[in-house]
C-alpha atoms as a PDB file:
ATOM      1  CA  MET A   1      24.888  36.924  90.689  1.00  0.00           C
ATOM      2  CA  THR A   2      21.969  34.724  91.573  1.00  0.00           C
ATOM      3  CA  LYS A   3      20.541  34.484  95.066  1.00  0.00           C
ATOM      4  CA  THR A   4      18.416  31.545  96.102  1.00  0.00           C
ATOM      5  CA  THR A   5      17.323  31.064  99.663  1.00  0.00           C
ATOM      6  CA  ASN A   6      18.210  28.100 101.826  1.00  0.00           C
ATOM      7  CA  ASN A   7      17.448  27.264 105.441  1.00  0.00           C
ATOM      8  CA  ARG A   8      20.699  28.532 106.978  1.00  0.00           C
ATOM      9  CA  LEU A   9      19.690  31.936 108.366  1.00  0.00           C
ATOM     10  CA  PHE A  10      22.674  32.425 110.655  1.00  0.00           C
ATOM     11  CA  MET A  11      22.585  36.212 110.849  1.00  0.00           C
ATOM     12  CA  PHE A  12      19.198  36.127 112.517  1.00  0.00           C
ATOM     13  CA  THR A  13      20.213  33.879 115.405  1.00  0.00           C
ATOM     14  CA  THR A  14      21.199  35.257 118.801  1.00  0.00           C
ATOM     15  CA  LYS A  15      24.106  32.829 119.064  1.00  0.00           C
ATOM     16  CA  LYS A  16      27.401  33.907 117.566  1.00  0.00           C
ATOM     17  CA  ILE A  17      29.036  31.480 115.155  1.00  0.00           C
ATOM     18  CA  ASN A  18      32.708  30.648 114.730  1.00  0.00           C
ATOM     19  CA  ALA A  19      34.454  31.195 111.396  1.00  0.00           C
ATOM     20  CA  LEU A  20      37.502  29.647 109.740  1.00  0.00           C
ATOM     21  CA  ILE A  21      39.642  31.279 107.051  1.00  0.00           C
ATOM     22  CA  LEU A  22      41.724  28.914 104.908  1.00  0.00           C
ATOM     23  CA  ASP A  23      44.244  30.898 102.874  1.00  0.00           C
ATOM     24  CA  THR A  24      48.013  31.169 102.532  1.00  0.00           C
ATOM     25  CA  PHE A  25      48.263  34.938 102.038  1.00  0.00           C
ATOM     26  CA  PRO A  26      48.434  36.988 105.285  1.00  0.00           C
ATOM     27  CA  ILE A  27      47.117  40.151 103.616  1.00  0.00           C
ATOM     28  CA  VAL A  28      44.013  38.263 102.449  1.00  0.00           C
ATOM     29  CA  VAL A  29      43.486  36.746 105.886  1.00  0.00           C
ATOM     30  CA  GLU A  30      43.802  40.173 107.514  1.00  0.00           C
ATOM     31  CA  SER A  31      41.323  41.712 105.082  1.00  0.00           C
ATOM     32  CA  ILE A  32      38.719  38.971 105.576  1.00  0.00           C
ATOM     33  CA  THR A  33      39.235  39.018 109.347  1.00  0.00           C
ATOM     34  CA  ASN A  34      38.574  42.751 109.438  1.00  0.00           C
ATOM     35  CA  GLU A  35      35.321  42.266 107.527  1.00  0.00           C
ATOM     36  CA  LEU A  36      34.206  39.394 109.756  1.00  0.00           C
ATOM     37  CA  LYS A  37      34.870  41.405 112.921  1.00  0.00           C
ATOM     38  CA  LYS A  38      32.234  43.879 111.729  1.00  0.00           C
ATOM     39  CA  LYS A  39      29.567  41.147 111.743  1.00  0.00           C
ATOM     40  CA  ASP A  40      27.568  40.856 114.957  1.00  0.00           C
ATOM     41  CA  SER A  41      26.874  37.190 114.189  1.00  0.00           C
ATOM     42  CA  ILE A  42      30.571  36.192 114.134  1.00  0.00           C
ATOM     43  CA  GLY A  43      32.248  34.922 117.306  1.00  0.00           C
ATOM     44  CA  GLU A  44      35.719  33.397 117.201  1.00  0.00           C
ATOM     45  CA  ILE A  45      37.732  33.678 113.975  1.00  0.00           C
ATOM     46  CA  TYR A  46      40.275  30.953 113.211  1.00  0.00           C
ATOM     47  CA  TYR A  47      42.938  30.875 110.508  1.00  0.00           C
ATOM     48  CA  THR A  48      45.044  28.166 108.892  1.00  0.00           C
ATOM     49  CA  SER A  49      46.922  27.564 105.658  1.00  0.00           C
ATOM     50  CA  SER A  50      46.783  23.767 105.991  1.00  0.00           C
ATOM     51  CA  MET A  51      43.917  21.599 104.783  1.00  0.00           C
ATOM     52  CA  HIS A  52      44.670  19.001 107.482  1.00  0.00           C
ATOM     53  CA  LYS A  53      44.542  21.653 110.214  1.00  0.00           C
ATOM     54  CA  ALA A  54      41.376  23.068 108.669  1.00  0.00           C
ATOM     55  CA  VAL A  55      39.621  19.716 109.051  1.00  0.00           C
ATOM     56  CA  ASP A  56      40.740  19.477 112.694  1.00  0.00           C
ATOM     57  CA  THR A  57      39.697  23.066 113.410  1.00  0.00           C
ATOM     58  CA  ILE A  58      36.243  22.510 111.938  1.00  0.00           C
ATOM     59  CA  LYS A  59      35.840  19.345 113.978  1.00  0.00           C
ATOM     60  CA  ASN A  60      37.082  20.710 117.305  1.00  0.00           C
ATOM     61  CA  ASN A  61      35.867  24.323 117.363  1.00  0.00           C
ATOM     62  CA  ASP A  62      32.240  24.236 116.222  1.00  0.00           C
ATOM     63  CA  ILE A  63      32.970  26.099 112.986  1.00  0.00           C
ATOM     64  CA  SER A  64      29.793  27.190 111.201  1.00  0.00           C
ATOM     65  CA  PHE A  65      31.332  29.387 108.496  1.00  0.00           C
ATOM     66  CA  VAL A  66      34.315  28.543 106.275  1.00  0.00           C
ATOM     67  CA  ILE A  67      35.955  30.950 103.826  1.00  0.00           C
ATOM     68  CA  LEU A  68      38.584  29.392 101.591  1.00  0.00           C
ATOM     69  CA  ASP A  69      40.457  29.728  98.343  1.00  0.00           C
ATOM     70  CA  ILE A  70      40.109  27.031  95.707  1.00  0.00           C
ATOM     71  CA  LYS A  71      43.693  26.115  94.998  1.00  0.00           C
ATOM     72  CA  GLN A  72      46.999  27.154  96.515  1.00  0.00           C
ATOM     73  CA  ASP A  73      50.356  25.464  97.014  1.00  0.00           C
ATOM     74  CA  LYS A  74      49.419  23.856 100.346  1.00  0.00           C
ATOM     75  CA  PHE A  75      45.861  22.726  99.642  1.00  0.00           C
ATOM     76  CA  ASN A  76      43.063  22.125  97.141  1.00  0.00           C
ATOM     77  CA  GLY A  77      39.843  23.802  98.210  1.00  0.00           C
ATOM     78  CA  LEU A  78      37.651  21.546  96.089  1.00  0.00           C
ATOM     79  CA  ASP A  79      39.039  18.525  97.904  1.00  0.00           C
ATOM     80  CA  LEU A  80      38.274  20.117 101.270  1.00  0.00           C
ATOM     81  CA  ILE A  81      34.698  21.007 100.308  1.00  0.00           C
ATOM     82  CA  LYS A  82      34.097  17.481  99.066  1.00  0.00           C
ATOM     83  CA  ARG A  83      35.653  15.956 102.188  1.00  0.00           C
ATOM     84  CA  ILE A  84      33.771  17.945 104.817  1.00  0.00           C
ATOM     85  CA  ARG A  85      30.430  17.725 103.019  1.00  0.00           C
ATOM     86  CA  LYS A  86      30.920  13.971 102.802  1.00  0.00           C
ATOM     87  CA  ASN A  87      31.403  14.024 106.577  1.00  0.00           C
ATOM     88  CA  ASP A  88      28.033  15.800 107.002  1.00  0.00           C
ATOM     89  CA  TYR A  89      29.358  19.302 107.621  1.00  0.00           C
ATOM     90  CA  ASN A  90      26.276  21.554 107.466  1.00  0.00           C
ATOM     91  CA  GLY A  91      27.895  24.966 107.888  1.00  0.00           C
ATOM     92  CA  ILE A  92      28.282  27.710 105.314  1.00  0.00           C
ATOM     93  CA  ILE A  93      31.137  27.525 102.807  1.00  0.00           C
ATOM     94  CA  LEU A  94      32.159  30.627 100.859  1.00  0.00           C
ATOM     95  CA  VAL A  95      34.867  30.312  98.228  1.00  0.00           C
ATOM     96  CA  MET A  96      36.888  33.501  97.784  1.00  0.00           C
ATOM     97  CA  SER A  97      39.284  32.641  95.012  1.00  0.00           C
ATOM     98  CA  SER A  98      42.149  34.194  93.090  1.00  0.00           C
ATOM     99  CA  TYR A  99      40.904  32.216  90.088  1.00  0.00           C
ATOM    100  CA  GLY A 100      38.112  33.381  87.794  1.00  0.00           C
ATOM    101  CA  TYR A 101      34.547  32.144  87.587  1.00  0.00           C
ATOM    102  CA  GLU A 102      34.734  30.092  84.389  1.00  0.00           C
ATOM    103  CA  LEU A 103      35.570  26.671  85.798  1.00  0.00           C
ATOM    104  CA  TYR A 104      35.764  26.657  89.568  1.00  0.00           C
ATOM    105  CA  SER A 105      32.545  28.473  90.467  1.00  0.00           C
ATOM    106  CA  ASP A 106      30.274  25.782  89.055  1.00  0.00           C
ATOM    107  CA  SER A 107      32.469  23.012  90.465  1.00  0.00           C
ATOM    108  CA  ALA A 108      32.376  24.553  93.947  1.00  0.00           C
ATOM    109  CA  ARG A 109      28.593  24.863  93.764  1.00  0.00           C
ATOM    110  CA  LYS A 110      28.145  21.225  92.754  1.00  0.00           C
ATOM    111  CA  LEU A 111      30.365  20.081  95.614  1.00  0.00           C
ATOM    112  CA  GLY A 112      28.296  21.969  98.170  1.00  0.00           C
ATOM    113  CA  ALA A 113      29.679  25.498  98.527  1.00  0.00           C
ATOM    114  CA  ASN A 114      27.173  28.232  99.354  1.00  0.00           C
ATOM    115  CA  GLY A 115      28.890  30.945  97.384  1.00  0.00           C
ATOM    116  CA  TYR A 116      31.809  31.891  95.156  1.00  0.00           C
ATOM    117  CA  ILE A 117      33.429  35.308  94.841  1.00  0.00           C
ATOM    118  CA  SER A 118      36.614  36.333  93.049  1.00  0.00           C
ATOM    119  CA  LYS A 119      39.358  38.082  95.007  1.00  0.00           C
ATOM    120  CA  LYS A 120      39.536  40.498  92.082  1.00  0.00           C
ATOM    121  CA  GLU A 121      36.157  41.940  93.038  1.00  0.00           C
ATOM    122  CA  SER A 122      35.919  45.106  95.133  1.00  0.00           C
ATOM    123  CA  ILE A 123      35.994  44.809  98.921  1.00  0.00           C
ATOM    124  CA  GLU A 124      32.419  46.113  98.937  1.00  0.00           C
ATOM    125  CA  LEU A 125      31.226  43.256  96.727  1.00  0.00           C
ATOM    126  CA  ILE A 126      33.189  40.714  98.769  1.00  0.00           C
ATOM    127  CA  ASN A 127      31.603  42.070 101.940  1.00  0.00           C
ATOM    128  CA  ASP A 128      28.163  41.792 100.320  1.00  0.00           C
ATOM    129  CA  ALA A 129      28.879  38.155  99.460  1.00  0.00           C
ATOM    130  CA  ILE A 130      29.840  37.410 103.071  1.00  0.00           C
ATOM    131  CA  THR A 131      26.742  39.177 104.378  1.00  0.00           C
ATOM    132  CA  ASN A 132      24.389  37.388 102.009  1.00  0.00           C
ATOM    133  CA  VAL A 133      25.681  33.854 102.555  1.00  0.00           C
ATOM    134  CA  LEU A 134      25.398  34.467 106.302  1.00  0.00           C
ATOM    135  CA  ARG A 135      21.791  35.492 105.721  1.00  0.00           C
ATOM    136  CA  GLY A 136      21.109  32.151 104.077  1.00  0.00           C
ATOM    137  CA  TYR A 137      21.527  32.924 100.385  1.00  0.00           C
ATOM    138  CA  THR A 138      23.670  31.125  97.838  1.00  0.00           C
ATOM    139  CA  ILE A 139      25.840  33.486  95.825  1.00  0.00           C
ATOM    140  CA  PHE A 140      27.148  32.501  92.416  1.00  0.00           C
ATOM    141  CA  LYS A 141      27.810  34.390  89.227  1.00  0.00           C
ATOM    142  CA  GLN A 142      24.622  34.475  87.186  1.00  0.00           C
ATOM    143  CA  SER A 143      26.009  33.418  83.834  1.00  0.00           C
ATOM    144  CA  GLN A 144      28.337  30.463  83.966  1.00  0.00           C
ATOM    145  CA  PRO A 145      29.780  29.550  80.560  1.00  0.00           C
ATOM    146  CA  SER A 146      28.914  26.022  79.529  1.00  0.00           C
ATOM    147  CA  LYS A 147      31.102  23.740  77.462  1.00  0.00           C
ATOM    148  CA  SER A 148      29.130  24.767  74.388  1.00  0.00           C
ATOM    149  CA  GLU A 149      30.062  28.424  75.007  1.00  0.00           C
ATOM    150  CA  ILE A 150      33.784  27.641  74.875  1.00  0.00           C
ATOM    151  CA  ASP A 151      34.639  27.789  71.196  1.00  0.00           C
ATOM    152  CA  LEU A 152      36.439  24.493  70.589  1.00  0.00           C
ATOM    153  CA  SER A 153      36.742  22.995  67.145  1.00  0.00           C
ATOM    154  CA  THR A 154      35.627  19.416  66.540  1.00  0.00           C
ATOM    155  CA  ARG A 155      39.255  18.287  66.492  1.00  0.00           C
ATOM    156  CA  GLU A 156      40.049  20.185  69.707  1.00  0.00           C
ATOM    157  CA  ILE A 157      37.114  18.500  71.441  1.00  0.00           C
ATOM    158  CA  THR A 158      38.403  15.114  70.294  1.00  0.00           C
ATOM    159  CA  VAL A 159      41.914  15.865  71.560  1.00  0.00           C
ATOM    160  CA  LEU A 160      40.554  17.207  74.859  1.00  0.00           C
ATOM    161  CA  ASN A 161      38.538  14.047  75.467  1.00  0.00           C
ATOM    162  CA  TYR A 162      41.609  11.881  74.886  1.00  0.00           C
ATOM    163  CA  LEU A 163      43.723  14.063  77.185  1.00  0.00           C
ATOM    164  CA  LEU A 164      41.143  13.883  79.968  1.00  0.00           C
ATOM    165  CA  ARG A 165      41.178  10.104  79.650  1.00  0.00           C
ATOM    166  CA  GLY A 166      44.921  10.074  80.327  1.00  0.00           C
ATOM    167  CA  TYR A 167      46.364   9.515  76.879  1.00  0.00           C
ATOM    168  CA  THR A 168      49.725  11.083  75.995  1.00  0.00           C
ATOM    169  CA  ASN A 169      50.360  13.376  73.047  1.00  0.00           C
ATOM    170  CA  LYS A 170      52.155  10.531  71.263  1.00  0.00           C
ATOM    171  CA  GLN A 171      49.266   8.102  71.758  1.00  0.00           C
ATOM    172  CA  ILE A 172      46.733  10.658  70.558  1.00  0.00           C
ATOM    173  CA  SER A 173      48.863  11.428  67.519  1.00  0.00           C
ATOM    174  CA  GLU A 174      48.789   7.735  66.609  1.00  0.00           C
ATOM    175  CA  PHE A 175      45.008   7.521  67.122  1.00  0.00           C
ATOM    176  CA  LEU A 176      44.383  10.535  64.886  1.00  0.00           C
ATOM    177  CA  SER A 177      47.252   9.994  62.433  1.00  0.00           C
ATOM    178  CA  LEU A 178      48.736  13.375  63.279  1.00  0.00           C
ATOM    179  CA  SER A 179      52.173  14.448  64.471  1.00  0.00           C
ATOM    180  CA  SER A 180      52.912  14.864  68.183  1.00  0.00           C
ATOM    181  CA  LYS A 181      53.741  18.502  67.460  1.00  0.00           C
ATOM    182  CA  THR A 182      50.249  19.046  66.044  1.00  0.00           C
ATOM    183  CA  ILE A 183      48.658  17.463  69.120  1.00  0.00           C
ATOM    184  CA  SER A 184      50.799  19.698  71.328  1.00  0.00           C
ATOM    185  CA  THR A 185      49.499  22.720  69.411  1.00  0.00           C
ATOM    186  CA  TYR A 186      45.892  21.594  69.922  1.00  0.00           C
ATOM    187  CA  LYS A 187      46.582  21.088  73.625  1.00  0.00           C
ATOM    188  CA  SER A 188      47.999  24.617  73.967  1.00  0.00           C
ATOM    189  CA  ARG A 189      44.951  26.078  72.226  1.00  0.00           C
ATOM    190  CA  ILE A 190      42.598  24.151  74.528  1.00  0.00           C
ATOM    191  CA  LEU A 191      44.370  25.343  77.683  1.00  0.00           C
ATOM    192  CA  ASP A 192      44.318  28.902  76.392  1.00  0.00           C
ATOM    193  CA  LYS A 193      40.578  28.778  75.633  1.00  0.00           C
ATOM    194  CA  TYR A 194      39.818  27.388  79.090  1.00  0.00           C
ATOM    195  CA  ASN A 195      42.097  30.004  80.653  1.00  0.00           C
ATOM    196  CA  VAL A 196      44.155  27.442  82.584  1.00  0.00           C
ATOM    197  CA  THR A 197      47.883  26.799  82.669  1.00  0.00           C
ATOM    198  CA  SER A 198      47.881  23.012  82.663  1.00  0.00           C
ATOM    199  CA  LEU A 199      45.657  20.088  81.833  1.00  0.00           C
ATOM    200  CA  ILE A 200      45.977  18.954  85.455  1.00  0.00           C
ATOM    201  CA  GLU A 201      43.610  21.767  86.504  1.00  0.00           C
ATOM    202  CA  LEU A 202      40.875  20.444  84.205  1.00  0.00           C
ATOM    203  CA  VAL A 203      41.499  16.851  85.255  1.00  0.00           C
ATOM    204  CA  LYS A 204      41.300  17.713  88.976  1.00  0.00           C
ATOM    205  CA  ILE A 205      37.994  19.488  88.499  1.00  0.00           C
ATOM    206  CA  ASN A 206      36.623  16.490  86.624  1.00  0.00           C
ATOM    207  CA  ASP A 207      37.834  14.074  89.342  1.00  0.00           C
ATOM    208  CA  ALA A 208      36.378  16.205  92.139  1.00  0.00           C
ATOM    209  CA  LEU A 209      32.880  15.922  90.701  1.00  0.00           C
ATOM    210  CA  ILE A 210      32.890  12.132  90.444  1.00  0.00           C
END
């Protein structure tokens, strides 16, 4: 993971800061809360599973540290990061996600998150990530695969570009003079190579960065 300094050195201030956890799983919330309680710099700890309530909590409770997942049934973390940064939120944002690093880590960084850690990592590594972002570092996995590192064939790239532009399998099959079944096969291969379950995940990431 890379660490680059910024000017948010919260752990070295005498004033305690308030934290917000945005997650839908109680066991995750409990685990993060226990880690935060060990930090001398943390004051009040708030919790919500609603993006709307998260925005209100940040606004009304002087929240300086947000820990959130990227995507769950009740919210989209990328949307929240984009929204609060657009509203000049200057606090620390740490993404602690059940998803891997391949797609969402870079997207979260570009939208203004200060760090990204997978929930699959050890509690020790997660605690280190919390400590370091509070010290003013940005924490992201060192090697993020680029599009060129994902082994797509020329035809798969063509199909992917059409899909991202909103064309249906039938329309793409007509453009490329291929059967709809063949396009469906290409689509399945693309999703598998990107390690996602639906094209919607790729489209949402693309939209969030516009």
